[in-house]
């Protein structure tokens, strides 16, 4: 029973766990949603996110952002400072 809403059951999002192999490349995942993401965005596709500072390419936007934050923090800070100066100059 849910303490916040007496009489209502807790709704639980159930993920499917197990071994889920990709039918295209054979890579396995512990969660079905991870396999679905892999087949939709990654498997057999070229990386679509190009780093503007180096040759690095990523298949996922989150990995692209993480790469730039970790590897090119100095460049991002420089760009942010430049944009702030341009906005305040107007």
PDB file of N, CA and C in Angstrom:
ATOM      1  N   UNK A   1       0.845  -1.191   0.000  1.00  0.00           N
ATOM      2  CA  UNK A   1       0.000   0.000   0.000  1.00  0.00           C
ATOM      3  C   UNK A   1       0.880   1.239   0.000  1.00  0.00           C
ATOM      4  N   UNK A   2       0.459   2.249  -0.668  1.00  0.00           N
ATOM      5  CA  UNK A   2       1.203   3.497  -0.779  1.00  0.00           C
ATOM      6  C   UNK A   2       0.814   4.417   0.372  1.00  0.00           C
ATOM      7  N   UNK A   3       1.815   4.892   1.133  1.00  0.00           N
ATOM      8  CA  UNK A   3       1.534   5.758   2.280  1.00  0.00           C
ATOM      9  C   UNK A   3       0.984   7.110   1.848  1.00  0.00           C
ATOM     10  N   UNK A   4       1.411   7.599   0.698  1.00  0.00           N
ATOM     11  CA  UNK A   4       0.962   8.911   0.229  1.00  0.00           C
ATOM     12  C   UNK A   4      -0.488   8.870  -0.242  1.00  0.00           C
ATOM     13  N   UNK A   5      -0.858   7.787  -0.877  1.00  0.00           N
ATOM     14  CA  UNK A   5      -2.209   7.643  -1.409  1.00  0.00           C
ATOM     15  C   UNK A   5      -2.788   6.332  -0.911  1.00  0.00           C
ATOM     16  N   UNK A   6      -3.400   6.334   0.271  1.00  0.00           N
ATOM     17  CA  UNK A   6      -3.937   5.089   0.828  1.00  0.00           C
ATOM     18  C   UNK A   6      -4.921   4.436  -0.143  1.00  0.00           C
ATOM     19  N   UNK A   7      -4.827   3.117  -0.220  1.00  0.00           N
ATOM     20  CA  UNK A   7      -5.723   2.374  -1.080  1.00  0.00           C
ATOM     21  C   UNK A   7      -5.203   2.170  -2.494  1.00  0.00           C
ATOM     22  N   UNK A   8      -4.152   2.875  -2.862  1.00  0.00           N
ATOM     23  CA  UNK A   8      -3.597   2.707  -4.204  1.00  0.00           C
ATOM     24  C   UNK A   8      -2.313   1.889  -4.127  1.00  0.00           C
ATOM     25  N   UNK A   9      -2.164   0.988  -5.056  1.00  0.00           N
ATOM     26  CA  UNK A   9      -0.949   0.188  -5.112  1.00  0.00           C
ATOM     27  C   UNK A   9       0.189   1.014  -5.695  1.00  0.00           C
ATOM     28  N   UNK A  10       1.399   0.687  -5.276  1.00  0.00           N
ATOM     29  CA  UNK A  10       2.561   1.333  -5.889  1.00  0.00           C
ATOM     30  C   UNK A  10       2.702   0.819  -7.303  1.00  0.00           C
ATOM     31  N   UNK A  11       2.927   1.726  -8.196  1.00  0.00           N
ATOM     32  CA  UNK A  11       3.185   1.316  -9.572  1.00  0.00           C
ATOM     33  C   UNK A  11       4.681   1.134  -9.728  1.00  0.00           C
ATOM     34  N   UNK A  12       5.040  -0.007 -10.177  1.00  0.00           N
ATOM     35  CA  UNK A  12       6.458  -0.302 -10.358  1.00  0.00           C
ATOM     36  C   UNK A  12       6.739  -0.477 -11.830  1.00  0.00           C
ATOM     37  N   UNK A  13       7.763   0.215 -12.275  1.00  0.00           N
ATOM     38  CA  UNK A  13       8.225   0.047 -13.642  1.00  0.00           C
ATOM     39  C   UNK A  13       9.124  -1.175 -13.643  1.00  0.00           C
ATOM     40  N   UNK A  14       8.712  -2.177 -14.344  1.00  0.00           N
ATOM     41  CA  UNK A  14       9.493  -3.412 -14.365  1.00  0.00           C
ATOM     42  C   UNK A  14      10.316  -3.489 -15.633  1.00  0.00           C
ATOM     43  N   UNK A  15      11.590  -3.555 -15.455  1.00  0.00           N
ATOM     44  CA  UNK A  15      12.492  -3.732 -16.578  1.00  0.00           C
ATOM     45  C   UNK A  15      12.748  -5.218 -16.739  1.00  0.00           C
ATOM     46  N   UNK A  16      12.939  -5.613 -17.956  1.00  0.00           N
ATOM     47  CA  UNK A  16      13.256  -7.008 -18.222  1.00  0.00           C
ATOM     48  C   UNK A  16      14.764  -7.195 -18.077  1.00  0.00           C
ATOM     49  N   UNK A  17      15.149  -8.082 -17.185  1.00  0.00           N
ATOM     50  CA  UNK A  17      16.553  -8.380 -16.981  1.00  0.00           C
ATOM     51  C   UNK A  17      16.850  -9.784 -17.495  1.00  0.00           C
ATOM     52  N   UNK A  18      18.061  -9.991 -17.944  1.00  0.00           N
ATOM     53  CA  UNK A  18      18.485 -11.283 -18.443  1.00  0.00           C
ATOM     54  C   UNK A  18      19.641 -11.074 -19.390  1.00  0.00           C
ATOM     55  N   UNK A  19      19.725 -11.921 -20.382  1.00  0.00           N
ATOM     56  CA  UNK A  19      20.746 -11.759 -21.406  1.00  0.00           C
ATOM     57  C   UNK A  19      20.014 -11.536 -22.724  1.00  0.00           C
ATOM     58  N   UNK A  20      20.224 -10.346 -23.289  1.00  0.00           N
ATOM     59  CA  UNK A  20      19.548  -9.970 -24.524  1.00  0.00           C
ATOM     60  C   UNK A  20      20.600  -9.727 -25.604  1.00  0.00           C
ATOM     61  N   UNK A  21      20.753 -10.666 -26.540  1.00  0.00           N
ATOM     62  CA  UNK A  21      21.751 -10.493 -27.593  1.00  0.00           C
ATOM     63  C   UNK A  21      21.205  -9.692 -28.768  1.00  0.00           C
ATOM     64  N   UNK A  22      22.055  -8.901 -29.372  1.00  0.00           N
ATOM     65  CA  UNK A  22      21.686  -8.166 -30.582  1.00  0.00           C
ATOM     66  C   UNK A  22      21.669  -9.161 -31.738  1.00  0.00           C
ATOM     67  N   UNK A  23      20.578  -9.212 -32.495  1.00  0.00           N
ATOM     68  CA  UNK A  23      20.524 -10.159 -33.619  1.00  0.00           C
ATOM     69  C   UNK A  23      21.470  -9.789 -34.770  1.00  0.00           C
ATOM     70  N   UNK A  24      21.928  -8.541 -34.803  1.00  0.00           N
ATOM     71  CA  UNK A  24      22.808  -8.091 -35.888  1.00  0.00           C
ATOM     72  C   UNK A  24      24.283  -8.318 -35.595  1.00  0.00           C
ATOM     73  N   UNK A  25      24.723  -7.943 -34.385  1.00  0.00           N
ATOM     74  CA  UNK A  25      26.162  -8.002 -34.094  1.00  0.00           C
ATOM     75  C   UNK A  25      26.518  -8.985 -32.977  1.00  0.00           C
ATOM     76  N   UNK A  26      25.521  -9.470 -32.243  1.00  0.00           N
ATOM     77  CA  UNK A  26      25.788 -10.441 -31.194  1.00  0.00           C
ATOM     78  C   UNK A  26      26.143  -9.854 -29.837  1.00  0.00           C
ATOM     79  N   UNK A  27      26.270  -8.544 -29.752  1.00  0.00           N
ATOM     80  CA  UNK A  27      26.566  -7.924 -28.463  1.00  0.00           C
ATOM     81  C   UNK A  27      25.413  -8.195 -27.505  1.00  0.00           C
ATOM     82  N   UNK A  28      25.734  -8.467 -26.247  1.00  0.00           N
ATOM     83  CA  UNK A  28      24.675  -8.807 -25.292  1.00  0.00           C
ATOM     84  C   UNK A  28      24.480  -7.698 -24.268  1.00  0.00           C
ATOM     85  N   UNK A  29      23.259  -7.610 -23.791  1.00  0.00           N
ATOM     86  CA  UNK A  29      22.871  -6.599 -22.809  1.00  0.00           C
ATOM     87  C   UNK A  29      22.106  -7.266 -21.683  1.00  0.00           C
ATOM     88  N   UNK A  30      22.236  -6.702 -20.485  1.00  0.00           N
ATOM     89  CA  UNK A  30      21.522  -7.228 -19.339  1.00  0.00           C
ATOM     90  C   UNK A  30      20.083  -6.733 -19.287  1.00  0.00           C
ATOM     91  N   UNK A  31      19.817  -5.617 -19.941  1.00  0.00           N
ATOM     92  CA  UNK A  31      18.468  -5.054 -19.934  1.00  0.00           C
ATOM     93  C   UNK A  31      17.935  -4.938 -21.357  1.00  0.00           C
ATOM     94  N   UNK A  32      16.668  -5.218 -21.495  1.00  0.00           N
ATOM     95  CA  UNK A  32      16.040  -5.174 -22.813  1.00  0.00           C
ATOM     96  C   UNK A  32      16.032  -3.759 -23.385  1.00  0.00           C
ATOM     97  N   UNK A  33      15.815  -2.758 -22.535  1.00  0.00           N
ATOM     98  CA  UNK A  33      15.793  -1.378 -23.036  1.00  0.00           C
ATOM     99  C   UNK A  33      17.168  -0.951 -23.550  1.00  0.00           C
ATOM    100  N   UNK A  34      18.237  -1.499 -22.988  1.00  0.00           N
ATOM    101  CA  UNK A  34      19.584  -1.189 -23.491  1.00  0.00           C
ATOM    102  C   UNK A  34      19.788  -1.782 -24.878  1.00  0.00           C
ATOM    103  N   UNK A  35      19.282  -2.993 -25.091  1.00  0.00           N
ATOM    104  CA  UNK A  35      19.360  -3.599 -26.421  1.00  0.00           C
ATOM    105  C   UNK A  35      18.547  -2.781 -27.422  1.00  0.00           C
ATOM    106  N   UNK A  36      17.376  -2.328 -27.017  1.00  0.00           N
ATOM    107  CA  UNK A  36      16.540  -1.522 -27.913  1.00  0.00           C
ATOM    108  C   UNK A  36      17.241  -0.221 -28.303  1.00  0.00           C
ATOM    109  N   UNK A  37      17.874   0.446 -27.334  1.00  0.00           N
ATOM    110  CA  UNK A  37      18.631   1.668 -27.628  1.00  0.00           C
ATOM    111  C   UNK A  37      19.779   1.366 -28.587  1.00  0.00           C
ATOM    112  N   UNK A  38      20.465   0.264 -28.342  1.00  0.00           N
ATOM    113  CA  UNK A  38      21.584  -0.150 -29.186  1.00  0.00           C
ATOM    114  C   UNK A  38      21.127  -0.369 -30.625  1.00  0.00           C
ATOM    115  N   UNK A  39      20.053  -1.101 -30.828  1.00  0.00           N
ATOM    116  CA  UNK A  39      19.602  -1.393 -32.183  1.00  0.00           C
ATOM    117  C   UNK A  39      19.062  -0.143 -32.877  1.00  0.00           C
ATOM    118  N   UNK A  40      18.464   0.752 -32.120  1.00  0.00           N
ATOM    119  CA  UNK A  40      17.885   1.959 -32.709  1.00  0.00           C
ATOM    120  C   UNK A  40      18.943   2.991 -33.092  1.00  0.00           C
ATOM    121  N   UNK A  41      19.942   3.196 -32.228  1.00  0.00           N
ATOM    122  CA  UNK A  41      20.872   4.309 -32.414  1.00  0.00           C
ATOM    123  C   UNK A  41      22.307   3.914 -32.738  1.00  0.00           C
ATOM    124  N   UNK A  42      22.713   2.700 -32.435  1.00  0.00           N
ATOM    125  CA  UNK A  42      24.132   2.378 -32.515  1.00  0.00           C
ATOM    126  C   UNK A  42      24.518   1.292 -33.508  1.00  0.00           C
ATOM    127  N   UNK A  43      23.825   0.186 -33.505  1.00  0.00           N
ATOM    128  CA  UNK A  43      24.259  -0.996 -34.253  1.00  0.00           C
ATOM    129  C   UNK A  43      24.293  -0.733 -35.760  1.00  0.00           C
ATOM    130  N   UNK A  44      25.470  -0.892 -36.335  1.00  0.00           N
ATOM    131  CA  UNK A  44      25.642  -0.747 -37.770  1.00  0.00           C
ATOM    132  C   UNK A  44      25.583   0.686 -38.271  1.00  0.00           C
ATOM    133  N   UNK A  45      25.578   1.645 -37.365  1.00  0.00           N
ATOM    134  CA  UNK A  45      25.489   3.051 -37.773  1.00  0.00           C
ATOM    135  C   UNK A  45      26.816   3.759 -37.505  1.00  0.00           C
ATOM    136  N   UNK A  46      27.121   4.700 -38.361  1.00  0.00           N
ATOM    137  CA  UNK A  46      28.324   5.505 -38.162  1.00  0.00           C
ATOM    138  C   UNK A  46      28.076   6.516 -37.044  1.00  0.00           C
ATOM    139  N   UNK A  47      29.116   6.878 -36.296  1.00  0.00           N
ATOM    140  CA  UNK A  47      28.963   7.925 -35.278  1.00  0.00           C
ATOM    141  C   UNK A  47      28.513   9.227 -35.923  1.00  0.00           C
ATOM    142  N   UNK A  48      27.541   9.885 -35.314  1.00  0.00           N
ATOM    143  CA  UNK A  48      26.997  11.106 -35.915  1.00  0.00           C
ATOM    144  C   UNK A  48      27.391  12.384 -35.186  1.00  0.00           C
ATOM    145  N   UNK A  49      28.045  12.261 -34.036  1.00  0.00           N
ATOM    146  CA  UNK A  49      28.413  13.444 -33.256  1.00  0.00           C
ATOM    147  C   UNK A  49      29.919  13.658 -33.331  1.00  0.00           C
ATOM    148  N   UNK A  50      30.330  14.673 -34.065  1.00  0.00           N
ATOM    149  CA  UNK A  50      31.743  14.989 -34.275  1.00  0.00           C
ATOM    150  C   UNK A  50      32.184  16.057 -33.279  1.00  0.00           C
ATOM    151  N   UNK A  51      33.275  15.798 -32.586  1.00  0.00           N
ATOM    152  CA  UNK A  51      33.846  16.794 -31.687  1.00  0.00           C
ATOM    153  C   UNK A  51      34.409  17.942 -32.520  1.00  0.00           C
ATOM    154  N   UNK A  52      34.101  19.194 -32.160  1.00  0.00           N
ATOM    155  CA  UNK A  52      34.628  20.328 -32.929  1.00  0.00           C
ATOM    156  C   UNK A  52      36.112  20.609 -32.648  1.00  0.00           C
ATOM    157  N   UNK A  53      36.682  19.940 -31.654  1.00  0.00           N
ATOM    158  CA  UNK A  53      38.059  20.228 -31.250  1.00  0.00           C
ATOM    159  C   UNK A  53      39.059  19.135 -31.610  1.00  0.00           C
ATOM    160  N   UNK A  54      38.567  17.929 -31.917  1.00  0.00           N
ATOM    161  CA  UNK A  54      39.469  16.824 -32.235  1.00  0.00           C
ATOM    162  C   UNK A  54      38.738  15.820 -33.134  1.00  0.00           C
ATOM    163  N   UNK A  55      39.414  14.772 -33.580  1.00  0.00           N
ATOM    164  CA  UNK A  55      38.783  13.806 -34.488  1.00  0.00           C
ATOM    165  C   UNK A  55      37.750  12.865 -33.839  1.00  0.00           C
ATOM    166  N   UNK A  56      37.569  12.949 -32.546  1.00  0.00           N
ATOM    167  CA  UNK A  56      36.656  12.042 -31.837  1.00  0.00           C
ATOM    168  C   UNK A  56      35.235  12.125 -32.389  1.00  0.00           C
ATOM    169  N   UNK A  57      34.619  10.960 -32.628  1.00  0.00           N
ATOM    170  CA  UNK A  57      33.219  10.875 -33.034  1.00  0.00           C
ATOM    171  C   UNK A  57      32.504   9.946 -32.068  1.00  0.00           C
ATOM    172  N   UNK A  58      31.245  10.259 -31.780  1.00  0.00           N
ATOM    173  CA  UNK A  58      30.460   9.457 -30.841  1.00  0.00           C
ATOM    174  C   UNK A  58      29.116   9.093 -31.459  1.00  0.00           C
ATOM    175  N   UNK A  59      28.597   7.954 -31.036  1.00  0.00           N
ATOM    176  CA  UNK A  59      27.275   7.534 -31.493  1.00  0.00           C
ATOM    177  C   UNK A  59      26.172   8.107 -30.620  1.00  0.00           C
ATOM    178  N   UNK A  60      26.499   8.449 -29.396  1.00  0.00           N
ATOM    179  CA  UNK A  60      25.500   9.000 -28.478  1.00  0.00           C
ATOM    180  C   UNK A  60      25.837  10.447 -28.127  1.00  0.00           C
ATOM    181  N   UNK A  61      24.795  11.272 -28.073  1.00  0.00           N
ATOM    182  CA  UNK A  61      24.977  12.684 -27.747  1.00  0.00           C
ATOM    183  C   UNK A  61      25.540  12.843 -26.337  1.00  0.00           C
ATOM    184  N   UNK A  62      25.075  12.015 -25.402  1.00  0.00           N
ATOM    185  CA  UNK A  62      25.557  12.117 -24.017  1.00  0.00           C
ATOM    186  C   UNK A  62      27.050  11.825 -23.930  1.00  0.00           C
ATOM    187  N   UNK A  63      27.538  10.885 -24.737  1.00  0.00           N
ATOM    188  CA  UNK A  63      28.969  10.582 -24.743  1.00  0.00           C
ATOM    189  C   UNK A  63      29.756  11.727 -25.380  1.00  0.00           C
ATOM    190  N   UNK A  64      29.163  12.343 -26.388  1.00  0.00           N
ATOM    191  CA  UNK A  64      29.784  13.495 -27.063  1.00  0.00           C
ATOM    192  C   UNK A  64      29.961  14.661 -26.078  1.00  0.00           C
ATOM    193  N   UNK A  65      28.905  14.959 -25.339  1.00  0.00           N
ATOM    194  CA  UNK A  65      28.960  16.053 -24.354  1.00  0.00           C
ATOM    195  C   UNK A  65      29.957  15.731 -23.253  1.00  0.00           C
ATOM    196  N   UNK A  66      29.918  14.488 -22.759  1.00  0.00           N
ATOM    197  CA  UNK A  66      30.848  14.079 -21.706  1.00  0.00           C
ATOM    198  C   UNK A  66      32.288  14.183 -22.191  1.00  0.00           C
ATOM    199  N   UNK A  67      32.548  13.774 -23.422  1.00  0.00           N
ATOM    200  CA  UNK A  67      33.893  13.875 -23.996  1.00  0.00           C
ATOM    201  C   UNK A  67      34.378  15.324 -23.986  1.00  0.00           C
ATOM    202  N   UNK A  68      33.540  16.233 -24.471  1.00  0.00           N
ATOM    203  CA  UNK A  68      33.956  17.641 -24.533  1.00  0.00           C
ATOM    204  C   UNK A  68      34.160  18.217 -23.136  1.00  0.00           C
ATOM    205  N   UNK A  69      33.313  17.857 -22.191  1.00  0.00           N
ATOM    206  CA  UNK A  69      33.467  18.362 -20.824  1.00  0.00           C
ATOM    207  C   UNK A  69      34.745  17.855 -20.177  1.00  0.00           C
ATOM    208  N   UNK A  70      35.112  16.630 -20.464  1.00  0.00           N
ATOM    209  CA  UNK A  70      36.306  16.049 -19.848  1.00  0.00           C
ATOM    210  C   UNK A  70      37.598  16.403 -20.587  1.00  0.00           C
ATOM    211  N   UNK A  71      37.556  16.361 -21.905  1.00  0.00           N
ATOM    212  CA  UNK A  71      38.774  16.523 -22.685  1.00  0.00           C
ATOM    213  C   UNK A  71      39.049  17.952 -23.134  1.00  0.00           C
ATOM    214  N   UNK A  72      38.008  18.754 -23.239  1.00  0.00           N
ATOM    215  CA  UNK A  72      38.165  20.099 -23.795  1.00  0.00           C
ATOM    216  C   UNK A  72      37.537  21.171 -22.907  1.00  0.00           C
ATOM    217  N   UNK A  73      37.621  20.978 -21.613  1.00  0.00           N
ATOM    218  CA  UNK A  73      37.029  21.931 -20.670  1.00  0.00           C
ATOM    219  C   UNK A  73      37.580  23.339 -20.890  1.00  0.00           C
ATOM    220  N   UNK A  74      38.877  23.438 -21.142  1.00  0.00           N
ATOM    221  CA  UNK A  74      39.489  24.749 -21.358  1.00  0.00           C
ATOM    222  C   UNK A  74      38.894  25.458 -22.576  1.00  0.00           C
ATOM    223  N   UNK A  75      38.651  24.717 -23.638  1.00  0.00           N
ATOM    224  CA  UNK A  75      38.066  25.307 -24.848  1.00  0.00           C
ATOM    225  C   UNK A  75      36.610  25.725 -24.611  1.00  0.00           C
ATOM    226  N   UNK A  76      35.871  24.918 -23.883  1.00  0.00           N
ATOM    227  CA  UNK A  76      34.475  25.255 -23.587  1.00  0.00           C
ATOM    228  C   UNK A  76      34.397  26.501 -22.720  1.00  0.00           C
ATOM    229  N   UNK A  77      35.286  26.600 -21.745  1.00  0.00           N
ATOM    230  CA  UNK A  77      35.327  27.795 -20.890  1.00  0.00           C
ATOM    231  C   UNK A  77      35.652  29.036 -21.718  1.00  0.00           C
ATOM    232  N   UNK A  78      36.604  28.902 -22.616  1.00  0.00           N
ATOM    233  CA  UNK A  78      36.983  30.010 -23.495  1.00  0.00           C
ATOM    234  C   UNK A  78      35.793  30.465 -24.337  1.00  0.00           C
ATOM    235  N   UNK A  79      35.081  29.510 -24.916  1.00  0.00           N
ATOM    236  CA  UNK A  79      33.923  29.834 -25.754  1.00  0.00           C
ATOM    237  C   UNK A  79      32.824  30.499 -24.933  1.00  0.00           C
ATOM    238  N   UNK A  80      32.571  29.984 -23.728  1.00  0.00           N
ATOM    239  CA  UNK A  80      31.537  30.561 -22.862  1.00  0.00           C
ATOM    240  C   UNK A  80      31.880  31.999 -22.485  1.00  0.00           C
ATOM    241  N   UNK A  81      33.136  32.250 -22.170  1.00  0.00           N
ATOM    242  CA  UNK A  81      33.563  33.607 -21.826  1.00  0.00           C
ATOM    243  C   UNK A  81      33.407  34.545 -23.016  1.00  0.00           C
ATOM    244  N   UNK A  82      33.734  34.058 -24.212  1.00  0.00           N
ATOM    245  CA  UNK A  82      33.603  34.865 -25.423  1.00  0.00           C
ATOM    246  C   UNK A  82      32.131  35.224 -25.672  1.00  0.00           C
ATOM    247  N   UNK A  83      31.251  34.254 -25.527  1.00  0.00           N
ATOM    248  CA  UNK A  83      29.820  34.491 -25.741  1.00  0.00           C
ATOM    249  C   UNK A  83      29.286  35.489 -24.715  1.00  0.00           C
ATOM    250  N   UNK A  84      29.708  35.363 -23.471  1.00  0.00           N
ATOM    251  CA  UNK A  84      29.253  36.310 -22.430  1.00  0.00           C
ATOM    252  C   UNK A  84      29.689  37.729 -22.751  1.00  0.00           C
ATOM    253  N   UNK A  85      30.923  37.892 -23.242  1.00  0.00           N
ATOM    254  CA  UNK A  85      31.426  39.214 -23.597  1.00  0.00           C
ATOM    255  C   UNK A  85      30.643  39.793 -24.763  1.00  0.00           C
ATOM    256  N   UNK A  86      30.300  38.959 -25.744  1.00  0.00           N
ATOM    257  CA  UNK A  86      29.534  39.415 -26.904  1.00  0.00           C
ATOM    258  C   UNK A  86      28.127  39.853 -26.497  1.00  0.00           C
ATOM    259  N   UNK A  87      27.513  39.128 -25.609  1.00  0.00           N
ATOM    260  CA  UNK A  87      26.147  39.439 -25.174  1.00  0.00           C
ATOM    261  C   UNK A  87      26.132  40.726 -24.354  1.00  0.00           C
ATOM    262  N   UNK A  88      27.089  40.916 -23.475  1.00  0.00           N
ATOM    263  CA  UNK A  88      27.124  42.114 -22.642  1.00  0.00           C
ATOM    264  C   UNK A  88      27.543  43.350 -23.449  1.00  0.00           C
ATOM    265  N   UNK A  89      28.231  43.152 -24.568  1.00  0.00           N
ATOM    266  CA  UNK A  89      28.665  44.285 -25.389  1.00  0.00           C
ATOM    267  C   UNK A  89      27.522  44.883 -26.194  1.00  0.00           C
ATOM    268  N   UNK A  90      26.455  44.140 -26.389  1.00  0.00           N
ATOM    269  CA  UNK A  90      25.327  44.629 -27.201  1.00  0.00           C
ATOM    270  C   UNK A  90      24.449  45.589 -26.468  1.00  0.00           C
TER     271      UNK A  90
END
